[in-house]
């Protein structure tokens, strides 16, 4: 049981607090409700670029990292298609330093041409290293383009192409910032050796004066349903053939989401999973087989994945058949011990992660953003039945909605 309190400032900033007197540290997590889905299709990668720009200097603080290092702290951030997250850790005695830093960059960035140029170069280099020059690096690009035809989920958070990042102007930066990075579009979580009164006073002092802003609406339409199988084959400089089969699934918080998460654990989590036992250890065609979900805020996808030892058409066809039929077996039967093992694993991972104040800060902010009670998370998983698993498996693991991506080594 995690004890926490929530409150909202007059400017719309939502806050969640967890007191932990067992540590001398504190974590401050700022979660913004903005990600790649909020970008223009002709200017993608902007949210991820902003993750970098937010460290390039704000209105009153020219060097964010230097200021936090002087306070004995560390920081980092991440961007997804749905959200952008910043987190800071420091001794609790320097709690207000973290609030000063985060509130100043929420108030306004420096919008320096030099900072934009530097961060564009950094992100472009990251794009090259992680997506263009790495084997299988563009899997996310190709798979999302296969699954989505109109929704902004059709490109990954880093952006569709390098030219979009290179073309960003200071005017684009200013407009995007003031349309999304605002107290009424964020959640701040505080976890550590700071009392509720101290947290409330600090947040009121540093974040309270920041004005509300008009948040840009999301104007895109829902993604049309996949009504027939889709397949794309790619020849690339990769060491082994790779097969990915993805199926559309429910959004986070919607019926079927938890069941889909459990399905992938039953299939591929641990050495007692179906994929490890019946594919990796039993079939010489496979060197690796796993399953996962996108876990997105809007309808996402469940993914089956396998690396192969043979790239012949017959081997690839058999690999797709093996992955999909092994998964489809859950449409007919889920053993009670499989469900119990998957839920116990989730329960254990959740409990261990909640031992650390930084993990609590991040999970509490996400729970508040998504309207959930973090203390009911495990309970929701334990409420799932084997009948629900087979029901959702029948709906999600539908061959008529399978999107298959095949990577073959160049000859």
Protein backbone atom coordinates (compact mmCIF):
# COMPACT_ATOMS: atom_id res chain seq x y z
CA UNK A 1 0.00 0.00 0.00
CA UNK A 2 1.50 3.32 -1.10
CA UNK A 3 0.31 6.27 0.90
CA UNK A 4 -0.11 9.39 -1.20
CA UNK A 5 -2.03 12.64 -1.39
CA UNK A 6 -3.15 14.64 -4.41
CA UNK A 7 -4.05 18.29 -4.84
CA UNK A 8 -4.44 20.82 -7.63
CA UNK A 9 -3.08 24.36 -7.81
CA UNK A 10 -5.22 27.26 -9.01
CA UNK A 11 -3.43 27.25 -12.37
CA UNK A 12 -4.47 23.65 -13.04
CA UNK A 13 -1.22 21.90 -12.08
CA UNK A 14 -2.02 18.51 -10.57
CA UNK A 15 0.28 17.26 -7.84
CA UNK A 16 0.78 13.94 -6.06
CA UNK A 17 2.90 13.47 -2.94
CA UNK A 18 4.38 10.45 -1.20
CA UNK A 19 6.30 10.84 2.08
CA UNK A 20 9.24 8.48 2.65
CA UNK A 21 11.21 9.23 5.84
CA UNK A 22 13.45 6.19 5.29
CA UNK A 23 15.57 8.09 2.75
CA UNK A 24 17.49 11.35 2.85
CA UNK A 25 16.63 11.98 -0.80
CA UNK A 26 13.70 13.30 -2.80
CA UNK A 27 12.54 12.77 -6.37
CA UNK A 28 10.56 15.31 -8.36
CA UNK A 29 8.87 14.03 -11.50
CA UNK A 30 7.18 16.31 -14.04
CA UNK A 31 4.97 14.54 -16.58
CA UNK A 32 3.61 16.56 -19.50
CA UNK A 33 0.60 15.41 -21.48
CA UNK A 34 2.39 15.90 -24.79
CA UNK A 35 4.17 13.48 -27.09
CA UNK A 36 4.65 12.58 -30.71
CA UNK A 37 0.88 12.31 -31.23
CA UNK A 38 0.67 16.09 -30.79
CA UNK A 39 2.95 16.89 -33.71
CA UNK A 40 2.16 17.95 -37.25
CA UNK A 41 2.65 15.08 -39.75
CA UNK A 42 4.97 17.41 -41.68
CA UNK A 43 7.07 18.26 -38.62
CA UNK A 44 7.60 15.11 -36.59
CA UNK A 45 10.14 14.52 -33.83
CA UNK A 46 9.36 17.87 -32.22
CA UNK A 47 8.32 16.46 -28.82
CA UNK A 48 11.53 14.44 -28.60
CA UNK A 49 13.56 17.47 -29.69
CA UNK A 50 11.88 19.40 -26.86
CA UNK A 51 13.07 16.81 -24.38
CA UNK A 52 16.58 17.94 -25.30
CA UNK A 53 15.75 21.65 -25.58
CA UNK A 54 14.37 21.65 -22.04
CA UNK A 55 17.94 21.15 -20.80
CA UNK A 56 19.32 23.95 -22.98
CA UNK A 57 18.51 26.84 -20.69
CA UNK A 58 15.35 28.50 -19.42
CA UNK A 59 14.31 32.08 -18.68
CA UNK A 60 16.43 32.50 -15.54
CA UNK A 61 18.70 29.43 -15.60
CA UNK A 62 21.20 29.24 -18.47
CA UNK A 63 22.65 25.84 -17.46
CA UNK A 64 20.18 23.33 -16.02
CA UNK A 65 22.68 20.50 -15.48
CA UNK A 66 25.22 22.70 -13.69
CA UNK A 67 22.56 23.97 -11.29
CA UNK A 68 21.33 20.50 -10.38
CA UNK A 69 24.86 19.17 -9.98
CA UNK A 70 25.65 21.93 -7.50
CA UNK A 71 22.68 20.70 -5.48
CA UNK A 72 24.10 17.16 -5.46
CA UNK A 73 21.43 15.96 -7.82
CA UNK A 74 20.91 14.07 -11.06
CA UNK A 75 18.26 14.23 -13.75
CA UNK A 76 17.01 12.64 -16.92
CA UNK A 77 14.01 12.50 -19.23
CA UNK A 78 12.14 10.43 -21.80
CA UNK A 79 9.61 11.01 -24.56
CA UNK A 80 6.98 8.65 -25.96
CA UNK A 81 4.21 8.97 -28.50
CA UNK A 82 1.93 9.97 -25.61
CA UNK A 83 3.91 11.81 -22.92
CA UNK A 84 7.12 13.65 -22.06
CA UNK A 85 8.64 13.03 -18.64
CA UNK A 86 11.38 14.81 -16.66
CA UNK A 87 12.73 13.60 -13.34
CA UNK A 88 15.22 14.94 -10.81
CA UNK A 89 16.77 13.44 -7.68
CA UNK A 90 18.66 15.32 -4.95
CA UNK A 91 19.12 15.39 -1.17
CA UNK A 92 15.82 16.36 0.43
CA UNK A 93 17.49 19.44 1.90
CA UNK A 94 17.74 20.76 -1.67
CA UNK A 95 14.12 20.01 -2.55
CA UNK A 96 13.32 23.60 -3.49
CA UNK A 97 16.25 23.70 -5.89
CA UNK A 98 14.54 20.99 -7.93
CA UNK A 99 11.27 22.94 -7.89
CA UNK A 100 13.10 26.12 -8.92
CA UNK A 101 14.70 24.32 -11.87
CA UNK A 102 11.58 22.56 -13.10
CA UNK A 103 9.28 25.54 -12.63
CA UNK A 104 11.61 27.87 -14.52
CA UNK A 105 11.65 25.72 -17.62
CA UNK A 106 7.88 25.31 -17.40
CA UNK A 107 7.65 29.10 -17.23
CA UNK A 108 9.63 29.54 -20.42
CA UNK A 109 12.69 28.39 -22.34
CA UNK A 110 15.51 30.67 -23.43
CA UNK A 111 14.64 30.00 -27.10
CA UNK A 112 18.22 30.49 -28.18
CA UNK A 113 19.16 29.92 -31.83
CA UNK A 114 22.40 28.38 -30.61
CA UNK A 115 20.61 25.97 -28.26
CA UNK A 116 18.24 24.91 -31.05
CA UNK A 117 21.13 24.32 -33.44
CA UNK A 118 23.05 22.27 -30.88
CA UNK A 119 20.08 20.11 -29.90
CA UNK A 120 19.06 19.56 -33.52
CA UNK A 121 22.55 18.20 -34.15
CA UNK A 122 22.34 15.96 -31.07
CA UNK A 123 18.94 14.54 -32.02
CA UNK A 124 19.94 14.03 -35.67
CA UNK A 125 23.02 12.11 -34.54
CA UNK A 126 20.85 10.04 -32.18
CA UNK A 127 18.46 9.35 -35.07
CA UNK A 128 21.37 8.08 -37.18
CA UNK A 129 22.87 5.94 -34.41
CA UNK A 130 19.69 4.33 -33.14
CA UNK A 131 17.49 4.13 -36.23
CA UNK A 132 19.54 4.36 -39.43
CA UNK A 133 22.93 2.83 -38.69
CA UNK A 134 21.88 0.03 -36.34
CA UNK A 135 20.59 -3.35 -37.50
CA UNK A 136 16.79 -3.45 -37.20
CA UNK A 137 16.92 0.21 -36.11
CA UNK A 138 14.02 1.22 -38.34
CA UNK A 139 11.69 -1.57 -37.18
CA UNK A 140 9.57 0.93 -35.26
CA UNK A 141 9.22 3.13 -38.34
CA UNK A 142 8.23 0.30 -40.64
CA UNK A 143 5.95 -1.49 -38.19
CA UNK A 144 4.05 1.67 -37.25
CA UNK A 145 3.62 2.60 -40.91
CA UNK A 146 2.19 -0.87 -41.46
CA UNK A 147 -0.24 -0.68 -38.52
CA UNK A 148 -1.39 2.94 -38.82
CA UNK A 149 -2.48 4.78 -41.94
CA UNK A 150 -3.68 8.12 -40.52
CA UNK A 151 -3.17 8.28 -36.74
CA UNK A 152 0.01 10.04 -35.50
CA UNK A 153 1.11 6.73 -33.98
CA UNK A 154 2.28 5.91 -37.51
CA UNK A 155 5.72 7.33 -36.74
CA UNK A 156 7.91 6.80 -33.64
CA UNK A 157 8.69 9.47 -31.06
CA UNK A 158 12.07 10.30 -32.59
CA UNK A 159 10.31 11.43 -35.77
CA UNK A 160 9.52 10.21 -39.26
CA UNK A 161 12.69 11.48 -40.93
CA UNK A 162 15.79 13.56 -40.21
CA UNK A 163 14.69 16.43 -42.46
CA UNK A 164 11.76 17.16 -40.14
CA UNK A 165 14.15 17.73 -37.24
CA UNK A 166 16.53 19.78 -39.34
CA UNK A 167 13.68 22.02 -40.56
CA UNK A 168 12.44 23.06 -37.10
CA UNK A 169 12.56 26.85 -36.59
CA UNK A 170 12.50 28.98 -33.46
CA UNK A 171 8.94 29.98 -34.30
CA UNK A 172 7.97 26.28 -34.39
CA UNK A 173 9.64 25.82 -31.02
CA UNK A 174 7.87 28.78 -29.39
CA UNK A 175 4.46 27.77 -30.74
CA UNK A 176 4.82 24.13 -29.64
CA UNK A 177 6.08 25.10 -26.19
CA UNK A 178 3.30 27.54 -25.33
CA UNK A 179 0.68 25.16 -26.72
CA UNK A 180 1.67 22.16 -24.58
CA UNK A 181 4.15 22.85 -21.77
CA UNK A 182 1.92 24.39 -19.14
CA UNK A 183 0.84 23.78 -15.55
CA UNK A 184 -2.66 22.81 -16.69
CA UNK A 185 -1.15 20.13 -18.95
CA UNK A 186 1.18 18.52 -16.42
CA UNK A 187 1.41 16.40 -13.29
CA UNK A 188 4.16 16.89 -10.68
CA UNK A 189 4.99 14.06 -8.31
CA UNK A 190 7.12 14.39 -5.17
CA UNK A 191 8.40 11.29 -3.37
CA UNK A 192 10.98 11.18 -0.60
CA UNK A 193 11.85 12.79 2.71
CA UNK A 194 9.64 15.84 2.22
CA UNK A 195 6.39 16.25 4.13
CA UNK A 196 3.06 17.03 2.52
CA UNK A 197 3.07 20.57 3.94
CA UNK A 198 6.58 21.19 2.61
CA UNK A 199 5.63 19.84 -0.80
CA UNK A 200 2.46 21.92 -0.97
CA UNK A 201 4.24 25.11 0.09
CA UNK A 202 7.08 24.52 -2.34
CA UNK A 203 4.82 23.79 -5.29
CA UNK A 204 2.61 26.81 -4.54
CA UNK A 205 5.70 29.03 -4.27
CA UNK A 206 7.48 27.91 -7.42
CA UNK A 207 4.74 26.65 -9.74
CA UNK A 208 1.75 28.64 -8.51
CA UNK A 209 2.65 31.91 -10.33
CA UNK A 210 2.98 30.22 -13.73
CA UNK A 211 -0.12 31.13 -15.77
CA UNK A 212 -2.47 28.62 -17.38
CA UNK A 213 -2.15 28.30 -21.14
CA UNK A 214 -4.45 27.32 -23.98
CA UNK A 215 -3.57 23.74 -24.86
CA UNK A 216 -3.71 22.82 -28.54
CA UNK A 217 -6.54 20.33 -29.15
CA UNK A 218 -5.94 16.94 -30.71
CA UNK A 219 -7.78 17.10 -34.01
CA UNK A 220 -6.89 13.76 -35.58
CA UNK A 221 -9.47 11.03 -36.09
CA UNK A 222 -9.30 7.49 -34.67
CA UNK A 223 -7.32 5.02 -36.74
CA UNK A 224 -9.55 2.99 -39.09
CA UNK A 225 -9.79 -0.70 -38.21
CA UNK A 226 -7.45 -3.17 -39.83
CA UNK A 227 -9.80 -5.26 -41.97
CA UNK A 228 -7.37 -7.52 -43.85
CA UNK A 229 -3.89 -8.95 -43.24
CA UNK A 230 -0.97 -6.70 -44.14
CA UNK A 231 2.57 -7.84 -44.92
CA UNK A 232 5.78 -5.97 -45.75
CA UNK A 233 9.14 -7.56 -46.56
CA UNK A 234 12.38 -5.58 -46.14
CA UNK A 235 15.87 -6.48 -47.34
CA UNK A 236 18.44 -4.78 -45.12
CA UNK A 237 21.91 -5.07 -43.61
CA UNK A 238 20.90 -7.29 -40.70
CA UNK A 239 22.68 -10.37 -39.31
CA UNK A 240 19.59 -12.58 -39.07
CA UNK A 241 16.08 -12.74 -40.49
CA UNK A 242 13.49 -11.12 -38.23
CA UNK A 243 9.75 -11.73 -38.23
CA UNK A 244 7.31 -9.41 -36.43
CA UNK A 245 3.55 -10.01 -36.31
CA UNK A 246 1.46 -7.24 -34.72
CA UNK A 247 -2.24 -7.08 -33.90
CA UNK A 248 -4.26 -3.95 -32.97
CA UNK A 249 -5.39 -3.92 -29.34
CA UNK A 250 -7.17 -1.76 -26.77
CA UNK A 251 -5.86 1.49 -25.34
CA UNK A 252 -4.50 1.76 -21.81
CA UNK A 253 -7.33 1.67 -19.28
CA UNK A 254 -9.82 0.13 -21.70
CA UNK A 255 -11.34 -3.38 -21.45
CA UNK A 256 -8.91 -5.94 -22.80
CA UNK A 257 -5.73 -3.96 -22.15
CA UNK A 258 -4.70 -5.81 -18.98
CA UNK A 259 -5.60 -9.16 -20.52
CA UNK A 260 -3.42 -8.41 -23.56
CA UNK A 261 -0.53 -7.54 -21.25
CA UNK A 262 -0.98 -10.83 -19.40
CA UNK A 263 -1.21 -12.73 -22.69
CA UNK A 264 2.27 -11.54 -23.70
CA UNK A 265 3.64 -12.56 -20.29
CA UNK A 266 2.15 -16.04 -20.63
CA UNK A 267 3.65 -16.30 -24.09
CA UNK A 268 7.14 -14.94 -23.52
CA UNK A 269 8.02 -13.91 -19.98
CA UNK A 270 10.50 -16.22 -18.29
CA UNK A 271 11.82 -19.71 -18.98
CA UNK A 272 8.48 -21.34 -18.20
CA UNK A 273 6.70 -19.29 -20.88
CA UNK A 274 5.20 -20.93 -23.95
CA UNK A 275 7.56 -19.27 -26.42
CA UNK A 276 10.71 -20.13 -24.48
CA UNK A 277 9.66 -23.71 -23.82
CA UNK A 278 8.03 -24.59 -27.13
CA UNK A 279 9.90 -22.38 -29.59
CA UNK A 280 13.33 -21.19 -28.42
CA UNK A 281 14.29 -24.45 -26.71
CA UNK A 282 12.51 -26.74 -29.18
CA UNK A 283 12.83 -25.24 -32.64
CA UNK A 284 16.30 -24.75 -34.20
CA UNK A 285 14.83 -22.21 -36.63
CA UNK A 286 14.52 -19.66 -33.81
CA UNK A 287 17.32 -17.97 -31.86
CA UNK A 288 14.87 -15.70 -30.07
CA UNK A 289 11.10 -15.36 -29.63
CA UNK A 290 9.20 -12.86 -27.55
CA UNK A 291 5.92 -10.97 -27.20
CA UNK A 292 5.03 -7.52 -25.88
CA UNK A 293 2.45 -4.73 -26.05
CA UNK A 294 2.93 -1.11 -27.06
CA UNK A 295 1.19 0.05 -23.88
CA UNK A 296 -0.08 3.24 -25.46
CA UNK A 297 -2.64 5.79 -24.26
CA UNK A 298 -4.74 5.24 -27.38
CA UNK A 299 -5.38 1.94 -29.20
CA UNK A 300 -2.02 0.25 -29.64
CA UNK A 301 -0.75 -3.18 -30.65
CA UNK A 302 0.34 -6.58 -29.37
CA UNK A 303 3.53 -7.79 -31.01
CA UNK A 304 5.03 -11.26 -31.60
CA UNK A 305 8.69 -11.31 -32.62
CA UNK A 306 11.22 -13.94 -33.64
CA UNK A 307 14.80 -14.03 -34.96
CA UNK A 308 15.63 -16.87 -37.30
CA UNK A 309 18.59 -18.95 -38.47
CA UNK A 310 17.28 -19.37 -42.01
CA UNK A 311 16.06 -16.73 -44.47
CA UNK A 312 14.57 -19.00 -47.10
CA UNK A 313 10.92 -18.31 -48.02
CA UNK A 314 9.91 -21.67 -46.58
CA UNK A 315 11.64 -20.96 -43.25
CA UNK A 316 10.09 -17.49 -42.96
CA UNK A 317 6.64 -18.86 -43.73
CA UNK A 318 7.07 -21.56 -41.09
CA UNK A 319 8.32 -19.00 -38.55
CA UNK A 320 5.24 -16.82 -39.02
CA UNK A 321 3.04 -19.90 -38.72
CA UNK A 322 4.82 -21.06 -35.56
CA UNK A 323 4.60 -17.69 -33.80
CA UNK A 324 0.97 -17.09 -34.65
CA UNK A 325 -0.28 -20.61 -33.93
CA UNK A 326 1.53 -20.76 -30.60
CA UNK A 327 -0.09 -17.46 -29.64
CA UNK A 328 -3.46 -18.47 -31.05
CA UNK A 329 -3.54 -21.50 -28.76
CA UNK A 330 -4.52 -19.05 -26.02
CA UNK A 331 -7.72 -18.45 -27.95
CA UNK A 332 -8.81 -21.92 -26.86
CA UNK A 333 -7.19 -22.55 -23.50
CA UNK A 334 -5.34 -20.74 -20.70
CA UNK A 335 -4.21 -22.89 -17.79
CA UNK A 336 -4.95 -21.43 -14.34
CA UNK A 337 -1.30 -21.86 -13.30
CA UNK A 338 -0.16 -19.83 -16.33
CA UNK A 339 -2.41 -16.93 -15.40
CA UNK A 340 -1.38 -17.15 -11.75
CA UNK A 341 2.31 -17.16 -12.64
CA UNK A 342 1.93 -14.12 -14.91
CA UNK A 343 -0.01 -12.15 -12.33
CA UNK A 344 2.42 -13.11 -9.55
CA UNK A 345 5.28 -11.90 -11.72
CA UNK A 346 3.49 -8.59 -12.29
CA UNK A 347 2.76 -8.28 -8.57
CA UNK A 348 6.39 -8.98 -7.65
CA UNK A 349 7.80 -6.53 -10.21
CA UNK A 350 5.37 -3.85 -9.08
CA UNK A 351 6.20 -4.30 -5.39
CA UNK A 352 9.95 -4.25 -5.96
CA UNK A 353 9.80 -1.17 -8.20
CA UNK A 354 7.74 0.68 -5.60
CA UNK A 355 10.53 0.26 -3.04
CA UNK A 356 12.41 3.18 -4.60
CA UNK A 357 11.26 6.78 -4.22
CA UNK A 358 12.10 7.66 -7.84
CA UNK A 359 10.02 4.78 -9.21
CA UNK A 360 7.16 5.82 -6.94
CA UNK A 361 7.35 9.40 -8.19
CA UNK A 362 7.22 8.30 -11.82
CA UNK A 363 4.45 5.76 -11.35
CA UNK A 364 2.36 8.08 -9.18
CA UNK A 365 2.55 10.84 -11.77
CA UNK A 366 1.52 8.47 -14.55
CA UNK A 367 -1.32 7.04 -12.47
CA UNK A 368 -2.68 10.51 -11.74
CA UNK A 369 -2.30 11.54 -15.38
CA UNK A 370 -4.29 8.49 -16.49
CA UNK A 371 -6.88 8.69 -13.72
CA UNK A 372 -5.88 5.51 -11.89
CA UNK A 373 -5.31 4.51 -8.28
CA UNK A 374 -1.84 2.98 -8.11
CA UNK A 375 -2.90 0.83 -5.13
CA UNK A 376 -5.52 -0.93 -7.24
CA UNK A 377 -3.16 -1.83 -10.07
CA UNK A 378 -2.33 -5.34 -8.82
CA UNK A 379 -5.95 -5.90 -7.81
CA UNK A 380 -7.03 -5.22 -11.41
CA UNK A 381 -4.62 -7.88 -12.67
CA UNK A 382 -5.73 -10.41 -10.05
CA UNK A 383 -9.35 -9.92 -11.13
CA UNK A 384 -8.60 -11.34 -14.58
CA UNK A 385 -9.91 -14.86 -15.23
CA UNK A 386 -8.81 -17.55 -17.65
CA UNK A 387 -12.09 -17.05 -19.53
CA UNK A 388 -11.24 -13.37 -20.00
CA UNK A 389 -7.79 -14.33 -21.33
CA UNK A 390 -9.25 -16.64 -23.99
CA UNK A 391 -11.97 -14.12 -24.84
CA UNK A 392 -9.47 -11.29 -25.42
CA UNK A 393 -7.08 -13.64 -27.23
CA UNK A 394 -9.87 -14.55 -29.65
CA UNK A 395 -10.58 -10.89 -30.30
CA UNK A 396 -6.98 -9.60 -30.52
CA UNK A 397 -5.10 -12.54 -32.08
CA UNK A 398 -7.25 -12.45 -35.18
CA UNK A 399 -5.47 -13.62 -38.38
CA UNK A 400 -7.59 -11.19 -40.39
CA UNK A 401 -6.00 -8.25 -38.53
CA UNK A 402 -2.39 -9.45 -38.47
CA UNK A 403 0.27 -7.00 -39.66
CA UNK A 404 3.49 -8.86 -40.53
CA UNK A 405 6.92 -7.30 -41.00
CA UNK A 406 9.68 -9.54 -42.39
CA UNK A 407 13.35 -8.49 -42.34
CA UNK A 408 15.72 -10.42 -44.58
CA UNK A 409 19.52 -10.02 -44.79
CA UNK A 410 20.73 -8.46 -48.03
CA UNK A 411 22.25 -11.02 -50.36
